[in-house]
Protein backbone atom coordinates (compact mmCIF):
# COMPACT_ATOMS: atom_id res chain seq x y z
CA MET A 1 105.14 3.86 -1.37
CA PRO A 2 103.67 6.42 -3.65
CA MET A 3 105.89 8.00 -6.17
CA GLN A 4 106.46 11.80 -6.65
CA LEU A 5 105.91 13.31 -10.11
CA LYS A 6 107.16 16.46 -11.18
CA PRO A 7 104.26 18.89 -11.43
CA THR A 8 102.64 19.45 -14.78
CA ALA A 9 101.15 22.64 -13.60
CA ALA A 10 100.96 24.61 -10.56
CA ILE A 11 97.65 25.83 -8.91
CA ILE A 12 98.25 28.49 -6.49
CA VAL A 13 95.29 29.19 -3.85
CA PHE A 14 95.57 31.30 -1.01
CA ALA A 15 94.30 29.43 1.68
CA THR A 16 96.34 26.77 1.52
CA VAL A 17 94.85 24.29 4.20
CA LEU A 18 91.74 23.17 5.04
CA ALA A 19 91.12 25.42 8.42
CA MET A 20 89.74 22.75 10.87
CA GLY A 21 91.10 21.57 13.84
CA PRO A 22 90.29 21.13 17.85
CA SER A 23 91.95 24.46 20.26
CA VAL A 24 94.18 22.43 21.19
CA ALA A 25 96.23 20.18 19.01
CA THR A 26 97.35 16.73 21.15
CA PRO A 27 101.02 15.70 20.44
CA THR A 28 102.55 14.03 17.66
CA ASP A 29 105.15 11.24 17.52
CA PHE A 30 105.99 12.07 14.19
CA GLU A 31 109.27 13.54 12.90
CA ASP A 32 107.83 15.55 10.12
CA MET A 33 104.63 17.08 10.84
CA PRO A 34 103.89 19.85 8.65
CA GLY A 35 103.58 22.76 11.65
CA ASP A 36 100.15 23.69 10.81
CA ASN A 37 96.67 23.14 10.91
CA PHE A 38 97.17 19.70 9.37
CA ASP A 39 98.83 18.46 12.22
CA ALA A 40 95.99 18.02 14.34
CA VAL A 41 93.62 16.16 11.94
CA ILE A 42 96.89 13.91 10.82
CA ASP A 43 97.13 13.20 15.26
CA HIS A 44 93.22 12.56 14.91
CA ILE A 45 93.31 10.11 11.72
CA THR A 46 96.30 8.19 13.19
CA ASP A 47 94.95 7.97 16.32
CA LEU A 48 91.77 6.15 15.64
CA GLY A 49 94.26 4.06 13.39
CA ILE A 50 92.71 4.76 9.90
CA MET A 51 95.84 6.38 8.49
CA GLU A 52 99.60 5.38 9.66
CA ALA A 53 103.24 6.00 9.45
CA CYS A 54 104.90 5.75 5.81
CA HIS A 55 107.79 4.50 7.50
CA GLY A 56 109.41 4.40 10.95
CA SER A 57 108.44 7.64 12.79
CA PHE A 58 107.51 9.52 9.32
CA PHE A 59 103.93 10.61 8.07
CA CYS A 60 105.35 11.95 5.01
CA PRO A 61 102.70 14.70 4.71
CA HIS A 62 103.28 15.79 1.49
CA GLU A 63 103.65 12.80 -0.72
CA LEU A 64 100.99 12.05 -2.96
CA VAL A 65 98.00 9.39 -2.52
CA THR A 66 98.06 6.31 -4.64
CA ARG A 67 94.76 4.06 -5.37
CA GLU A 68 96.50 0.97 -3.52
CA ASP A 69 97.07 3.81 -0.33
CA MET A 70 93.06 4.81 -0.71
CA ALA A 71 92.04 1.33 -0.72
CA VAL A 72 93.52 0.44 2.95
CA TRP A 73 92.62 3.70 4.56
CA LEU A 74 88.93 3.31 2.61
CA GLU A 75 88.31 -0.14 4.06
CA ARG A 76 89.21 0.78 7.22
CA VAL A 77 86.54 3.69 7.45
CA GLU A 78 83.89 1.22 5.96
CA HIS A 79 84.64 -1.50 8.63
CA TYR A 80 85.29 1.04 11.79
CA HIS A 81 81.78 0.59 12.90
CA GLU A 82 82.00 -3.47 13.43
CA ALA A 83 86.28 -4.06 14.13
CA GLY A 84 87.27 -0.87 14.87
CA VAL A 85 90.96 -1.05 13.67
CA GLY A 86 90.96 -4.66 14.39
CA TYR A 87 89.44 -5.19 10.82
CA SER A 88 90.86 -7.50 8.45
CA PRO A 89 90.00 -8.20 4.47
CA PRO A 90 89.28 -11.81 3.27
CA ALA A 91 92.15 -13.22 1.63
CA PRO A 92 92.18 -12.47 -2.08
CA THR A 93 90.80 -14.24 -5.17
CA GLY A 94 92.35 -12.78 -7.83
CA VAL A 95 89.66 -10.37 -9.25
CA PHE A 96 91.95 -7.97 -10.92
CA GLU A 97 94.65 -8.85 -13.09
CA ASP A 98 97.05 -6.06 -12.10
CA VAL A 99 96.81 -6.81 -8.50
CA PRO A 100 98.66 -10.21 -7.64
CA ILE A 101 97.25 -12.35 -4.76
CA ARG A 102 100.31 -12.24 -3.50
CA SER A 103 100.73 -8.42 -3.15
CA CYS A 104 100.32 -6.99 0.11
CA VAL A 105 97.55 -4.81 -0.71
CA ALA A 106 95.54 -7.61 -2.86
CA SER A 107 93.13 -8.32 0.19
CA TRP A 108 91.98 -4.73 0.66
CA ILE A 109 91.41 -4.18 -2.77
CA GLU A 110 89.27 -6.81 -3.40
CA ALA A 111 87.45 -6.17 -0.32
CA LEU A 112 86.99 -2.41 -1.42
CA PHE A 113 85.72 -4.21 -4.85
CA ALA A 114 83.42 -6.13 -3.01
CA ASP A 115 81.68 -3.44 -0.90
CA GLY A 116 81.07 -1.65 -3.95
CA ILE A 117 83.50 1.02 -3.31
CA THR A 118 85.61 0.74 -6.35
CA ALA A 119 84.68 -0.46 -9.52
CA GLY A 120 88.26 -0.55 -10.75
CA CYS A 121 90.12 1.42 -13.67
CA GLU A 122 89.46 -0.64 -16.52
CA LYS A 123 86.28 -3.70 -17.31
CA ASP A 124 88.36 -5.64 -20.09
CA PRO A 125 90.17 -7.03 -19.02
CA PRO A 126 89.89 -6.26 -15.41
CA LEU A 127 92.06 -3.74 -13.73
CA TYR A 128 92.93 -1.16 -10.57
CA CYS A 129 95.61 0.55 -11.36
CA PRO A 130 96.67 0.18 -7.86
CA GLU A 131 100.10 2.39 -8.45
CA LYS A 132 98.54 5.79 -10.30
CA ILE A 133 98.33 8.23 -8.58
CA LEU A 134 94.93 9.20 -7.20
CA SER A 135 93.37 12.26 -8.71
CA ARG A 136 90.91 14.44 -6.86
CA ALA A 137 88.16 13.40 -9.25
CA GLU A 138 88.45 9.74 -8.13
CA MET A 139 88.95 10.65 -4.58
CA ALA A 140 85.26 12.21 -4.63
CA VAL A 141 84.12 8.73 -5.68
CA PHE A 142 85.79 7.10 -3.42
CA LEU A 143 84.91 9.49 -0.55
CA ILE A 144 81.07 9.48 -1.59
CA ARG A 145 80.46 5.97 -1.80
CA VAL A 146 82.21 4.99 1.20
CA GLN A 147 80.76 7.99 3.42
CA GLU A 148 77.05 6.90 1.85
CA GLY A 149 77.09 3.20 1.34
CA ALA A 150 77.18 1.57 -2.39
CA GLU A 151 73.87 1.88 -2.93
CA TYR A 152 73.53 5.22 -2.49
CA GLU A 153 71.96 7.33 -5.40
CA VAL A 154 74.09 10.85 -6.16
CA PRO A 155 72.19 13.70 -6.69
CA PRO A 156 72.41 14.80 -10.25
CA CYS A 157 75.07 17.75 -10.51
CA SER A 158 74.17 21.64 -11.29
CA GLY A 159 77.05 23.07 -13.10
CA ILE A 160 78.54 24.52 -9.75
CA PHE A 161 82.54 24.13 -10.55
CA ASP A 162 83.82 26.14 -13.46
CA ASP A 163 86.37 23.36 -14.15
CA VAL A 164 83.77 20.28 -14.03
CA SER A 165 81.48 20.03 -17.22
CA CYS A 166 78.10 19.21 -16.14
CA PRO A 167 76.86 16.95 -17.39
CA PRO A 168 80.45 15.00 -17.82
CA VAL A 169 81.32 13.65 -21.25
CA ASN A 170 81.89 10.45 -20.80
CA ASP A 171 81.27 10.12 -17.20
CA TRP A 172 84.36 11.81 -16.67
CA PRO A 173 85.00 13.72 -14.24
CA PRO A 174 82.36 12.49 -12.19
CA ALA A 175 80.62 15.74 -11.76
CA ASP A 176 77.63 14.43 -9.75
CA TYR A 177 80.38 13.01 -7.04
CA ILE A 178 82.26 15.74 -6.82
CA GLU A 179 79.53 18.23 -6.21
CA ASP A 180 77.93 16.11 -3.60
CA LEU A 181 81.21 15.91 -2.28
CA TYR A 182 81.30 19.88 -1.95
CA ASN A 183 77.50 20.39 -0.93
CA LYS A 184 78.11 17.73 2.05
CA GLY A 185 81.31 20.30 3.32
CA VAL A 186 84.37 17.29 2.66
CA THR A 187 85.76 19.43 0.12
CA ALA A 188 86.27 23.19 -0.67
CA GLY A 189 87.07 23.33 -4.10
CA CYS A 190 90.82 24.39 -4.73
CA VAL A 191 89.87 27.47 -6.16
CA ASP A 192 87.21 30.05 -4.75
CA ASN A 193 88.11 33.63 -5.06
CA GLY A 194 84.47 35.15 -5.11
CA GLU A 195 84.93 34.98 -9.34
CA GLU A 196 85.13 31.12 -9.88
CA LEU A 197 84.81 28.01 -7.92
CA ARG A 198 87.37 25.49 -9.24
CA PHE A 199 87.79 21.96 -8.31
CA CYS A 200 91.10 20.95 -9.90
CA PRO A 201 89.58 17.35 -10.90
CA ARG A 202 92.67 16.45 -12.22
CA GLY A 203 95.25 17.85 -9.21
CA ALA A 204 96.93 14.75 -7.18
CA VAL A 205 95.89 14.28 -3.09
CA THR A 206 98.88 13.93 -0.51
CA ARG A 207 98.78 12.43 2.42
CA GLU A 208 98.20 15.36 4.57
CA GLN A 209 95.23 16.33 2.67
CA MET A 210 93.90 12.84 2.58
CA ALA A 211 94.08 13.03 6.69
CA ALA A 212 91.75 15.81 6.57
CA PHE A 213 89.28 14.14 3.79
CA LEU A 214 89.07 11.22 5.84
CA THR A 215 88.39 13.47 9.26
CA GLU A 216 85.32 14.80 7.69
CA VAL A 217 84.14 11.71 5.97
CA MET A 218 84.78 9.86 9.86
CA ASN A 219 82.95 12.70 11.17
CA ASN A 220 79.87 12.65 8.65
CA LYS A 221 79.70 8.83 8.83
CA TYR A 222 80.12 8.11 12.84
CA CYS A 223 79.62 10.87 14.70
CA ASP A 224 75.59 11.04 14.31
CA PRO A 225 74.07 10.20 18.01
CA THR A 226 70.59 9.98 16.04
CA ASN A 227 71.99 6.80 14.32
CA PRO A 228 72.78 4.99 17.56
CA ASP A 229 73.89 1.79 15.34
CA GLU A 230 76.63 3.39 14.12
CA TYR A 231 77.68 6.01 16.34
CA HIS A 232 81.03 6.44 17.53
CA PRO A 233 82.09 9.24 19.45
CA GLU A 234 85.60 8.85 19.55
CA THR A 235 85.66 9.63 15.56
CA CYS A 236 83.89 13.02 16.08
CA TRP A 237 85.79 15.75 14.73
CA ASN A 238 85.56 19.19 16.99
CA PRO A 239 82.28 20.89 15.65
CA SER A 240 82.91 24.42 16.40
CA ALA A 241 86.02 24.23 13.90
CA PRO A 242 86.29 27.11 11.42
CA GLU A 243 85.00 26.89 7.81
CA GLN A 244 87.28 25.02 5.65
CA ALA A 245 89.40 26.86 2.92
CA PRO A 246 89.94 25.95 -0.51
CA GLU A 247 92.70 22.84 -1.02
CA GLU A 248 96.09 23.84 -2.30
CA VAL A 249 96.48 22.00 -5.89
CA SER A 250 100.63 21.69 -6.81
CA VAL A 251 100.64 18.72 -9.04
CA THR A 252 98.21 18.51 -11.95
CA LEU A 253 98.03 15.07 -13.22
CA ASP A 254 97.85 14.03 -16.70
CA ASP A 255 95.99 11.29 -18.41
CA ASP A 256 98.05 8.45 -18.15
CA ASP A 257 99.01 9.70 -14.25
CA PHE A 258 95.66 8.59 -12.61
CA GLY A 259 93.45 5.95 -12.65
CA HIS A 260 90.30 7.01 -14.23
CA GLU A 261 87.80 4.90 -11.78
CA LEU A 262 84.87 3.82 -13.20
CA VAL A 263 81.47 5.68 -12.15
CA GLY A 264 79.50 2.74 -13.33
CA ARG A 265 79.76 -1.20 -12.28
């Protein structure tokens, strides 16, 4: 279960949720639904089998996402076209020194590496940092890789965000991926008030926000009828949904709190 961090800074955003969803929300079985625009996307992404309860009948919408959480969800998205929710990753072999073979997420993390979606957080020794909280910057790398494929060449950044250096210093934060995620409509940033546009790369991501991000990625990846090989209409999100608003970031992470996903392999 992801650990909760005490916020080191709070960024208040007036438009606090992704304003997207079908005109009629489906009923939910979770006892702790947030009661806002996230309800519908949580229903959608859990109905698809990409995300699940945190325990029992609870979704834990405000809990922070870790790198090991993300590995499972991303692999389900990656292999949805071939196995639906029935995908089972190969047995682990011990790729990362901080992910024991006996770990219940080892097979998912190693499959994520084999699919080229993660390069880990350290090369020597090879580490994944499974229990680190996922930062928004890392999220951008993961989501672009799973949506576009490991061989996808990310367009160079142009400097659209006021808080993301372009070009990045030592590949961090990964401005190319962050801007591409924005240009593909998956994120609206964290602040857009007409005077500045910010992404908050060190911000943490909650489970309800991840439900919305994964819904957008599934929509982009599997909802194109002109690509019949990967077209899955059940993944399609409401195309007439309102434009999304900036995402609220209430927890900003220190360097030691998150994993610093490697951009290169």
